[in-house]
PDB file of N, CA and C in Angstrom:
ATOM      1  N   MET A   1       0.829  -1.183   0.000  1.00  0.00           N
ATOM      2  CA  MET A   1       0.000   0.000   0.000  1.00  0.00           C
ATOM      3  C   MET A   1       0.876   1.250   0.000  1.00  0.00           C
ATOM      4  N   ALA A   2       0.561   2.176  -0.851  1.00  0.00           N
ATOM      5  CA  ALA A   2       1.357   3.402  -0.970  1.00  0.00           C
ATOM      6  C   ALA A   2       1.100   4.317   0.216  1.00  0.00           C
ATOM      7  N   LYS A   3       2.194   4.899   0.704  1.00  0.00           N
ATOM      8  CA  LYS A   3       2.082   5.874   1.792  1.00  0.00           C
ATOM      9  C   LYS A   3       1.963   7.275   1.209  1.00  0.00           C
ATOM     10  N   GLU A   4       1.334   8.146   1.960  1.00  0.00           N
ATOM     11  CA  GLU A   4       1.228   9.550   1.572  1.00  0.00           C
ATOM     12  C   GLU A   4       2.617  10.185   1.635  1.00  0.00           C
ATOM     13  N   VAL A   5       2.899  11.085   0.711  1.00  0.00           N
ATOM     14  CA  VAL A   5       4.183  11.795   0.664  1.00  0.00           C
ATOM     15  C   VAL A   5       3.938  13.254   1.020  1.00  0.00           C
ATOM     16  N   LYS A   6       4.681  13.748   2.009  1.00  0.00           N
ATOM     17  CA  LYS A   6       4.576  15.147   2.425  1.00  0.00           C
ATOM     18  C   LYS A   6       5.907  15.846   2.179  1.00  0.00           C
ATOM     19  N   TRP A   7       5.836  17.029   1.590  1.00  0.00           N
ATOM     20  CA  TRP A   7       7.023  17.830   1.305  1.00  0.00           C
ATOM     21  C   TRP A   7       7.263  18.804   2.446  1.00  0.00           C
ATOM     22  N   THR A   8       8.498  18.885   2.941  1.00  0.00           N
ATOM     23  CA  THR A   8       8.851  19.928   3.895  1.00  0.00           C
ATOM     24  C   THR A   8       9.118  21.216   3.116  1.00  0.00           C
ATOM     25  N   PRO A   9       9.073  22.355   3.791  1.00  0.00           N
ATOM     26  CA  PRO A   9       9.415  23.608   3.105  1.00  0.00           C
ATOM     27  C   PRO A   9      10.819  23.576   2.481  1.00  0.00           C
ATOM     28  N   GLU A  10      11.766  22.937   3.165  1.00  0.00           N
ATOM     29  CA  GLU A  10      13.123  22.840   2.619  1.00  0.00           C
ATOM     30  C   GLU A  10      13.160  21.989   1.350  1.00  0.00           C
ATOM     31  N   ALA A  11      12.391  20.931   1.304  1.00  0.00           N
ATOM     32  CA  ALA A  11      12.334  20.102   0.098  1.00  0.00           C
ATOM     33  C   ALA A  11      11.745  20.894  -1.064  1.00  0.00           C
ATOM     34  N   GLU A  12      10.696  21.641  -0.787  1.00  0.00           N
ATOM     35  CA  GLU A  12      10.103  22.477  -1.837  1.00  0.00           C
ATOM     36  C   GLU A  12      11.095  23.522  -2.329  1.00  0.00           C
ATOM     37  N   ASP A  13      11.806  24.151  -1.383  1.00  0.00           N
ATOM     38  CA  ASP A  13      12.778  25.196  -1.720  1.00  0.00           C
ATOM     39  C   ASP A  13      13.937  24.639  -2.550  1.00  0.00           C
ATOM     40  N   THR A  14      14.500  23.526  -2.141  1.00  0.00           N
ATOM     41  CA  THR A  14      15.643  22.971  -2.871  1.00  0.00           C
ATOM     42  C   THR A  14      15.226  22.440  -4.242  1.00  0.00           C
ATOM     43  N   PHE A  15      14.025  21.891  -4.349  1.00  0.00           N
ATOM     44  CA  PHE A  15      13.504  21.433  -5.644  1.00  0.00           C
ATOM     45  C   PHE A  15      13.364  22.630  -6.579  1.00  0.00           C
ATOM     46  N   GLU A  16      12.779  23.701  -6.070  1.00  0.00           N
ATOM     47  CA  GLU A  16      12.592  24.930  -6.861  1.00  0.00           C
ATOM     48  C   GLU A  16      13.930  25.510  -7.314  1.00  0.00           C
ATOM     49  N   LYS A  17      14.922  25.494  -6.439  1.00  0.00           N
ATOM     50  CA  LYS A  17      16.241  26.034  -6.794  1.00  0.00           C
ATOM     51  C   LYS A  17      16.897  25.223  -7.915  1.00  0.00           C
ATOM     52  N   ILE A  18      16.739  23.927  -7.882  1.00  0.00           N
ATOM     53  CA  ILE A  18      17.290  23.086  -8.943  1.00  0.00           C
ATOM     54  C   ILE A  18      16.585  23.397 -10.269  1.00  0.00           C
ATOM     55  N   ILE A  19      15.280  23.531 -10.228  1.00  0.00           N
ATOM     56  CA  ILE A  19      14.516  23.859 -11.437  1.00  0.00           C
ATOM     57  C   ILE A  19      14.982  25.198 -12.005  1.00  0.00           C
ATOM     58  N   LEU A  20      15.117  26.202 -11.149  1.00  0.00           N
ATOM     59  CA  LEU A  20      15.564  27.528 -11.604  1.00  0.00           C
ATOM     60  C   LEU A  20      16.966  27.469 -12.199  1.00  0.00           C
ATOM     61  N   TYR A  21      17.845  26.705 -11.561  1.00  0.00           N
ATOM     62  CA  TYR A  21      19.211  26.550 -12.084  1.00  0.00           C
ATOM     63  C   TYR A  21      19.174  25.900 -13.473  1.00  0.00           C
ATOM     64  N   LEU A  22      18.408  24.850 -13.616  1.00  0.00           N
ATOM     65  CA  LEU A  22      18.325  24.156 -14.905  1.00  0.00           C
ATOM     66  C   LEU A  22      17.725  25.052 -15.982  1.00  0.00           C
ATOM     67  N   GLN A  23      16.725  25.840 -15.622  1.00  0.00           N
ATOM     68  CA  GLN A  23      16.125  26.760 -16.584  1.00  0.00           C
ATOM     69  C   GLN A  23      17.125  27.832 -17.026  1.00  0.00           C
ATOM     70  N   ASP A  24      17.949  28.273 -16.098  1.00  0.00           N
ATOM     71  CA  ASP A  24      18.918  29.337 -16.390  1.00  0.00           C
ATOM     72  C   ASP A  24      20.112  28.822 -17.195  1.00  0.00           C
ATOM     73  N   LYS A  25      20.643  27.663 -16.826  1.00  0.00           N
ATOM     74  CA  LYS A  25      21.891  27.179 -17.419  1.00  0.00           C
ATOM     75  C   LYS A  25      21.718  26.103 -18.486  1.00  0.00           C
ATOM     76  N   TRP A  26      20.580  25.437 -18.505  1.00  0.00           N
ATOM     77  CA  TRP A  26      20.382  24.320 -19.417  1.00  0.00           C
ATOM     78  C   TRP A  26      19.139  24.549 -20.262  1.00  0.00           C
ATOM     79  N   THR A  27      18.521  23.469 -20.722  1.00  0.00           N
ATOM     80  CA  THR A  27      17.342  23.596 -21.587  1.00  0.00           C
ATOM     81  C   THR A  27      16.108  23.018 -20.892  1.00  0.00           C
ATOM     82  N   GLU A  28      14.967  23.227 -21.521  1.00  0.00           N
ATOM     83  CA  GLU A  28      13.714  22.685 -20.983  1.00  0.00           C
ATOM     84  C   GLU A  28      13.743  21.154 -20.946  1.00  0.00           C
ATOM     85  N   ARG A  29      14.521  20.569 -21.813  1.00  0.00           N
ATOM     86  CA  ARG A  29      14.641  19.101 -21.818  1.00  0.00           C
ATOM     87  C   ARG A  29      15.217  18.605 -20.491  1.00  0.00           C
ATOM     88  N   GLU A  30      16.266  19.263 -20.001  1.00  0.00           N
ATOM     89  CA  GLU A  30      16.869  18.863 -18.727  1.00  0.00           C
ATOM     90  C   GLU A  30      15.907  19.103 -17.569  1.00  0.00           C
ATOM     91  N   VAL A  31      15.153  20.201 -17.638  1.00  0.00           N
ATOM     92  CA  VAL A  31      14.152  20.478 -16.597  1.00  0.00           C
ATOM     93  C   VAL A  31      13.121  19.355 -16.580  1.00  0.00           C
ATOM     94  N   SER A  32      12.624  19.017 -17.752  1.00  0.00           N
ATOM     95  CA  SER A  32      11.631  17.953 -17.869  1.00  0.00           C
ATOM     96  C   SER A  32      12.187  16.615 -17.376  1.00  0.00           C
ATOM     97  N   ASN A  33      13.430  16.307 -17.749  1.00  0.00           N
ATOM     98  CA  ASN A  33      14.056  15.057 -17.304  1.00  0.00           C
ATOM     99  C   ASN A  33      14.174  15.012 -15.782  1.00  0.00           C
ATOM    100  N   PHE A  34      14.565  16.149 -15.175  1.00  0.00           N
ATOM    101  CA  PHE A  34      14.704  16.191 -13.711  1.00  0.00           C
ATOM    102  C   PHE A  34      13.351  16.023 -13.030  1.00  0.00           C
ATOM    103  N   VAL A  35      12.344  16.724 -13.517  1.00  0.00           N
ATOM    104  CA  VAL A  35      11.005  16.624 -12.923  1.00  0.00           C
ATOM    105  C   VAL A  35      10.479  15.192 -13.056  1.00  0.00           C
ATOM    106  N   ASN A  36      10.648  14.592 -14.210  1.00  0.00           N
ATOM    107  CA  ASN A  36      10.186  13.212 -14.422  1.00  0.00           C
ATOM    108  C   ASN A  36      10.939  12.229 -13.531  1.00  0.00           C
ATOM    109  N   ALA A  37      12.253  12.386 -13.428  1.00  0.00           N
ATOM    110  CA  ALA A  37      13.050  11.494 -12.572  1.00  0.00           C
ATOM    111  C   ALA A  37      12.631  11.653 -11.112  1.00  0.00           C
ATOM    112  N   SER A  38      12.393  12.882 -10.686  1.00  0.00           N
ATOM    113  CA  SER A  38      11.966  13.135  -9.303  1.00  0.00           C
ATOM    114  C   SER A  38      10.613  12.484  -9.031  1.00  0.00           C
ATOM    115  N   SER A  39       9.679  12.647  -9.953  1.00  0.00           N
ATOM    116  CA  SER A  39       8.346  12.049  -9.792  1.00  0.00           C
ATOM    117  C   SER A  39       8.423  10.530  -9.706  1.00  0.00           C
ATOM    118  N   LYS A  40       9.262   9.955 -10.536  1.00  0.00           N
ATOM    119  CA  LYS A  40       9.438   8.499 -10.554  1.00  0.00           C
ATOM    120  C   LYS A  40      10.001   8.004  -9.213  1.00  0.00           C
ATOM    121  N   ILE A  41      11.028   8.689  -8.712  1.00  0.00           N
ATOM    122  CA  ILE A  41      11.646   8.306  -7.436  1.00  0.00           C
ATOM    123  C   ILE A  41      10.648   8.454  -6.295  1.00  0.00           C
ATOM    124  N   ILE A  42       9.891   9.547  -6.291  1.00  0.00           N
ATOM    125  CA  ILE A  42       8.893   9.764  -5.231  1.00  0.00           C
ATOM    126  C   ILE A  42       7.826   8.678  -5.282  1.00  0.00           C
ATOM    127  N   SER A  43       7.450   8.260  -6.462  1.00  0.00           N
ATOM    128  CA  SER A  43       6.491   7.169  -6.609  1.00  0.00           C
ATOM    129  C   SER A  43       7.052   5.866  -6.032  1.00  0.00           C
ATOM    130  N   TYR A  44       8.322   5.578  -6.346  1.00  0.00           N
ATOM    131  CA  TYR A  44       8.972   4.383  -5.786  1.00  0.00           C
ATOM    132  C   TYR A  44       9.009   4.442  -4.267  1.00  0.00           C
ATOM    133  N   ILE A  45       9.355   5.614  -3.729  1.00  0.00           N
ATOM    134  CA  ILE A  45       9.438   5.780  -2.275  1.00  0.00           C
ATOM    135  C   ILE A  45       8.066   5.557  -1.642  1.00  0.00           C
ATOM    136  N   SER A  46       7.026   6.074  -2.271  1.00  0.00           N
ATOM    137  CA  SER A  46       5.668   5.915  -1.761  1.00  0.00           C
ATOM    138  C   SER A  46       5.257   4.447  -1.691  1.00  0.00           C
ATOM    139  N   GLU A  47       5.649   3.678  -2.696  1.00  0.00           N
ATOM    140  CA  GLU A  47       5.292   2.255  -2.754  1.00  0.00           C
ATOM    141  C   GLU A  47       6.170   1.384  -1.847  1.00  0.00           C
ATOM    142  N   ASN A  48       7.451   1.690  -1.778  1.00  0.00           N
ATOM    143  CA  ASN A  48       8.401   0.888  -0.993  1.00  0.00           C
ATOM    144  C   ASN A  48       9.413   1.822  -0.342  1.00  0.00           C
ATOM    145  N   SER A  49       9.068   2.330   0.815  1.00  0.00           N
ATOM    146  CA  SER A  49       9.854   3.383   1.466  1.00  0.00           C
ATOM    147  C   SER A  49      11.262   2.952   1.876  1.00  0.00           C
ATOM    148  N   LEU A  50      11.507   1.675   2.007  1.00  0.00           N
ATOM    149  CA  LEU A  50      12.828   1.203   2.429  1.00  0.00           C
ATOM    150  C   LEU A  50      13.700   0.786   1.251  1.00  0.00           C
ATOM    151  N   MET A  51      13.273   1.115   0.051  1.00  0.00           N
ATOM    152  CA  MET A  51      13.960   0.703  -1.164  1.00  0.00           C
ATOM    153  C   MET A  51      15.349   1.336  -1.303  1.00  0.00           C
ATOM    154  N   PHE A  52      15.509   2.544  -0.793  1.00  0.00           N
ATOM    155  CA  PHE A  52      16.761   3.267  -0.982  1.00  0.00           C
ATOM    156  C   PHE A  52      17.625   3.218   0.267  1.00  0.00           C
ATOM    157  N   ARG A  53      18.895   3.562   0.096  1.00  0.00           N
ATOM    158  CA  ARG A  53      19.896   3.356   1.144  1.00  0.00           C
ATOM    159  C   ARG A  53      19.677   4.234   2.376  1.00  0.00           C
ATOM    160  N   GLN A  54      20.060   3.668   3.499  1.00  0.00           N
ATOM    161  CA  GLN A  54      20.055   4.384   4.777  1.00  0.00           C
ATOM    162  C   GLN A  54      21.272   5.304   4.802  1.00  0.00           C
ATOM    163  N   SER A  55      21.107   6.517   5.276  1.00  0.00           N
ATOM    164  CA  SER A  55      22.232   7.451   5.362  1.00  0.00           C
ATOM    165  C   SER A  55      22.975   7.263   6.685  1.00  0.00           C
ATOM    166  N   ARG A  56      24.023   8.051   6.847  1.00  0.00           N
ATOM    167  CA  ARG A  56      24.766   8.027   8.113  1.00  0.00           C
ATOM    168  C   ARG A  56      23.878   8.496   9.256  1.00  0.00           C
ATOM    169  N   LYS A  57      22.989   9.396   8.957  1.00  0.00           N
ATOM    170  CA  LYS A  57      22.101   9.982   9.954  1.00  0.00           C
ATOM    171  C   LYS A  57      20.930   9.027  10.186  1.00  0.00           C
ATOM    172  N   HIS A  58      20.655   8.762  11.442  1.00  0.00           N
ATOM    173  CA  HIS A  58      19.590   7.845  11.816  1.00  0.00           C
ATOM    174  C   HIS A  58      18.253   8.263  11.212  1.00  0.00           C
ATOM    175  N   ASN A  59      17.568   7.306  10.628  1.00  0.00           N
ATOM    176  CA  ASN A  59      16.204   7.466  10.137  1.00  0.00           C
ATOM    177  C   ASN A  59      16.073   8.356   8.896  1.00  0.00           C
ATOM    178  N   ILE A  60      17.159   8.646   8.212  1.00  0.00           N
ATOM    179  CA  ILE A  60      17.082   9.400   6.964  1.00  0.00           C
ATOM    180  C   ILE A  60      17.606   8.510   5.842  1.00  0.00           C
ATOM    181  N   ARG A  61      16.884   8.508   4.748  1.00  0.00           N
ATOM    182  CA  ARG A  61      17.263   7.709   3.582  1.00  0.00           C
ATOM    183  C   ARG A  61      17.603   8.624   2.419  1.00  0.00           C
ATOM    184  N   GLU A  62      18.397   8.093   1.476  1.00  0.00           N
ATOM    185  CA  GLU A  62      18.872   8.852   0.323  1.00  0.00           C
ATOM    186  C   GLU A  62      18.512   8.106  -0.962  1.00  0.00           C
ATOM    187  N   ALA A  63      17.850   8.815  -1.861  1.00  0.00           N
ATOM    188  CA  ALA A  63      17.528   8.241  -3.168  1.00  0.00           C
ATOM    189  C   ALA A  63      18.245   9.056  -4.241  1.00  0.00           C
ATOM    190  N   VAL A  64      18.928   8.382  -5.137  1.00  0.00           N
ATOM    191  CA  VAL A  64      19.609   9.068  -6.231  1.00  0.00           C
ATOM    192  C   VAL A  64      18.570   9.427  -7.290  1.00  0.00           C
ATOM    193  N   VAL A  65      18.427  10.728  -7.555  1.00  0.00           N
ATOM    194  CA  VAL A  65      17.489  11.205  -8.574  1.00  0.00           C
ATOM    195  C   VAL A  65      18.221  11.317  -9.905  1.00  0.00           C
ATOM    196  N   THR A  66      19.348  12.016  -9.883  1.00  0.00           N
ATOM    197  CA  THR A  66      20.255  12.104 -11.030  1.00  0.00           C
ATOM    198  C   THR A  66      21.656  11.929 -10.476  1.00  0.00           C
ATOM    199  N   LYS A  67      22.666  11.892 -11.339  1.00  0.00           N
ATOM    200  CA  LYS A  67      24.015  11.708 -10.811  1.00  0.00           C
ATOM    201  C   LYS A  67      24.475  12.900  -9.980  1.00  0.00           C
ATOM    202  N   HIS A  68      23.769  14.031 -10.076  1.00  0.00           N
ATOM    203  CA  HIS A  68      24.141  15.216  -9.309  1.00  0.00           C
ATOM    204  C   HIS A  68      23.158  15.560  -8.192  1.00  0.00           C
ATOM    205  N   ASN A  69      22.098  14.774  -8.022  1.00  0.00           N
ATOM    206  CA  ASN A  69      21.077  15.116  -7.033  1.00  0.00           C
ATOM    207  C   ASN A  69      20.582  13.901  -6.261  1.00  0.00           C
ATOM    208  N   LEU A  70      20.517  14.076  -4.951  1.00  0.00           N
ATOM    209  CA  LEU A  70      19.926  13.082  -4.062  1.00  0.00           C
ATOM    210  C   LEU A  70      18.636  13.647  -3.490  1.00  0.00           C
ATOM    211  N   LEU A  71      17.723  12.775  -3.163  1.00  0.00           N
ATOM    212  CA  LEU A  71      16.525  13.160  -2.423  1.00  0.00           C
ATOM    213  C   LEU A  71      16.659  12.556  -1.035  1.00  0.00           C
ATOM    214  N   LEU A  72      16.638  13.404  -0.025  1.00  0.00           N
ATOM    215  CA  LEU A  72      16.707  12.956   1.366  1.00  0.00           C
ATOM    216  C   LEU A  72      15.279  12.868   1.896  1.00  0.00           C
ATOM    217  N   TYR A  73      14.953  11.748   2.528  1.00  0.00           N
ATOM    218  CA  TYR A  73      13.607  11.584   3.062  1.00  0.00           C
ATOM    219  C   TYR A  73      13.615  10.768   4.340  1.00  0.00           C
ATOM    220  N   ARG A  74      12.524  10.881   5.081  1.00  0.00           N
ATOM    221  CA  ARG A  74      12.374  10.170   6.349  1.00  0.00           C
ATOM    222  C   ARG A  74      11.067   9.385   6.288  1.00  0.00           C
ATOM    223  N   VAL A  75      11.121   8.172   6.790  1.00  0.00           N
ATOM    224  CA  VAL A  75       9.939   7.314   6.833  1.00  0.00           C
ATOM    225  C   VAL A  75       9.265   7.485   8.185  1.00  0.00           C
ATOM    226  N   LYS A  76       8.027   7.913   8.146  1.00  0.00           N
ATOM    227  CA  LYS A  76       7.203   8.064   9.350  1.00  0.00           C
ATOM    228  C   LYS A  76       6.172   6.931   9.345  1.00  0.00           C
ATOM    229  N   PRO A  77       5.537   6.661  10.477  1.00  0.00           N
ATOM    230  CA  PRO A  77       4.575   5.549  10.505  1.00  0.00           C
ATOM    231  C   PRO A  77       3.437   5.668   9.484  1.00  0.00           C
ATOM    232  N   ARG A  78       2.948   6.888   9.232  1.00  0.00           N
ATOM    233  CA  ARG A  78       1.794   7.038   8.353  1.00  0.00           C
ATOM    234  C   ARG A  78       2.092   7.738   7.037  1.00  0.00           C
ATOM    235  N   HIS A  79       3.297   8.286   6.897  1.00  0.00           N
ATOM    236  CA  HIS A  79       3.625   8.999   5.665  1.00  0.00           C
ATOM    237  C   HIS A  79       5.132   9.042   5.435  1.00  0.00           C
ATOM    238  N   ILE A  80       5.502   9.546   4.277  1.00  0.00           N
ATOM    239  CA  ILE A  80       6.902   9.761   3.923  1.00  0.00           C
ATOM    240  C   ILE A  80       7.126  11.267   3.952  1.00  0.00           C
ATOM    241  N   GLU A  81       8.208  11.694   4.576  1.00  0.00           N
ATOM    242  CA  GLU A  81       8.526  13.117   4.669  1.00  0.00           C
ATOM    243  C   GLU A  81       9.740  13.407   3.789  1.00  0.00           C
ATOM    244  N   LEU A  82       9.522  14.166   2.711  1.00  0.00           N
ATOM    245  CA  LEU A  82      10.629  14.573   1.847  1.00  0.00           C
ATOM    246  C   LEU A  82      11.337  15.731   2.525  1.00  0.00           C
ATOM    247  N   LEU A  83      12.638  15.565   2.796  1.00  0.00           N
ATOM    248  CA  LEU A  83      13.381  16.561   3.567  1.00  0.00           C
ATOM    249  C   LEU A  83      14.070  17.597   2.687  1.00  0.00           C
ATOM    250  N   ALA A  84      14.777  17.145   1.637  1.00  0.00           N
ATOM    251  CA  ALA A  84      15.516  18.078   0.789  1.00  0.00           C
ATOM    252  C   ALA A  84      16.079  17.347  -0.419  1.00  0.00           C
ATOM    253  N   PHE A  85      16.370  18.127  -1.438  1.00  0.00           N
ATOM    254  CA  PHE A  85      17.150  17.644  -2.571  1.00  0.00           C
ATOM    255  C   PHE A  85      18.573  18.136  -2.326  1.00  0.00           C
ATOM    256  N   TRP A  86      19.555  17.291  -2.583  1.00  0.00           N
ATOM    257  CA  TRP A  86      20.942  17.605  -2.261  1.00  0.00           C
ATOM    258  C   TRP A  86      21.824  17.462  -3.502  1.00  0.00           C
ATOM    259  N   ASP A  87      22.630  18.483  -3.770  1.00  0.00           N
ATOM    260  CA  ASP A  87      23.590  18.448  -4.872  1.00  0.00           C
ATOM    261  C   ASP A  87      24.782  17.602  -4.419  1.00  0.00           C
ATOM    262  N   THR A  88      25.051  16.527  -5.117  1.00  0.00           N
ATOM    263  CA  THR A  88      26.109  15.602  -4.695  1.00  0.00           C
ATOM    264  C   THR A  88      27.507  16.194  -4.824  1.00  0.00           C
ATOM    265  N   ARG A  89      27.626  17.335  -5.490  1.00  0.00           N
ATOM    266  CA  ARG A  89      28.936  17.973  -5.634  1.00  0.00           C
ATOM    267  C   ARG A  89      29.279  18.849  -4.438  1.00  0.00           C
ATOM    268  N   LYS A  90      28.337  19.038  -3.534  1.00  0.00           N
ATOM    269  CA  LYS A  90      28.579  19.839  -2.332  1.00  0.00           C
ATOM    270  C   LYS A  90      29.272  19.001  -1.262  1.00  0.00           C
ATOM    271  N   ASN A  91      29.772  19.695  -0.263  1.00  0.00           N
ATOM    272  CA  ASN A  91      30.442  19.045   0.864  1.00  0.00           C
ATOM    273  C   ASN A  91      29.457  18.114   1.587  1.00  0.00           C
ATOM    274  N   PRO A  92      29.725  16.812   1.623  1.00  0.00           N
ATOM    275  CA  PRO A  92      28.779  15.876   2.245  1.00  0.00           C
ATOM    276  C   PRO A  92      28.621  16.073   3.749  1.00  0.00           C
ATOM    277  N   LYS A  93      29.571  16.716   4.396  1.00  0.00           N
ATOM    278  CA  LYS A  93      29.461  16.955   5.835  1.00  0.00           C
ATOM    279  C   LYS A  93      28.340  17.933   6.161  1.00  0.00           C
ATOM    280  N   LYS A  94      27.937  18.730   5.172  1.00  0.00           N
ATOM    281  CA  LYS A  94      26.887  19.720   5.393  1.00  0.00           C
ATOM    282  C   LYS A  94      25.500  19.207   5.002  1.00  0.00           C
ATOM    283  N   LYS A  95      25.426  17.974   4.587  1.00  0.00           N
ATOM    284  CA  LYS A  95      24.187  17.420   4.054  1.00  0.00           C
ATOM    285  C   LYS A  95      23.029  17.450   5.063  1.00  0.00           C
ATOM    286  N   PHE A  96      23.315  17.215   6.309  1.00  0.00           N
ATOM    287  CA  PHE A  96      22.251  17.083   7.290  1.00  0.00           C
ATOM    288  C   PHE A  96      22.069  18.305   8.165  1.00  0.00           C
ATOM    289  N   ARG A  97      22.712  19.386   7.824  1.00  0.00           N
ATOM    290  CA  ARG A  97      22.519  20.622   8.570  1.00  0.00           C
ATOM    291  C   ARG A  97      21.225  21.267   8.118  1.00  0.00           C
ATOM    292  N   ARG A  98      20.452  21.670   9.073  1.00  0.00           N
ATOM    293  CA  ARG A  98      19.173  22.327   8.777  1.00  0.00           C
ATOM    294  C   ARG A  98      19.399  23.793   8.472  1.00  0.00           C
ATOM    295  N   LYS A  99      18.604  24.308   7.526  1.00  0.00           N
ATOM    296  CA  LYS A  99      18.635  25.744   7.234  1.00  0.00           C
ATOM    297  C   LYS A  99      17.869  26.475   8.324  1.00  0.00           C
ATOM    298  N   LYS A 100      18.284  27.699   8.582  1.00  0.00           N
ATOM    299  CA  LYS A 100      17.581  28.474   9.607  1.00  0.00           C
ATOM    300  C   LYS A 100      16.668  29.470   8.975  1.00  0.00           C
TER     301      LYS A 100
END
């Protein structure tokens, strides 16, 4: 049974920033590919929340969306919480720091 997926404000913000970057530096094709890949991964997570790897941080999982982007999410008893999209080229030590 598929679980409900809830987006955190940070997940919405980081998704939007990636879209804006792709629109500015690349083409609509790359934007479309990223949106489609993200939708596909979110669908997989909804159906099988433990499908992707456990991160170093307790209770957070990482799904590879593209070779440059990860989706960080947390499995809750009744839903899936999308935490953020992460650029894999950034310092991995900062991955789990919350924005203020």
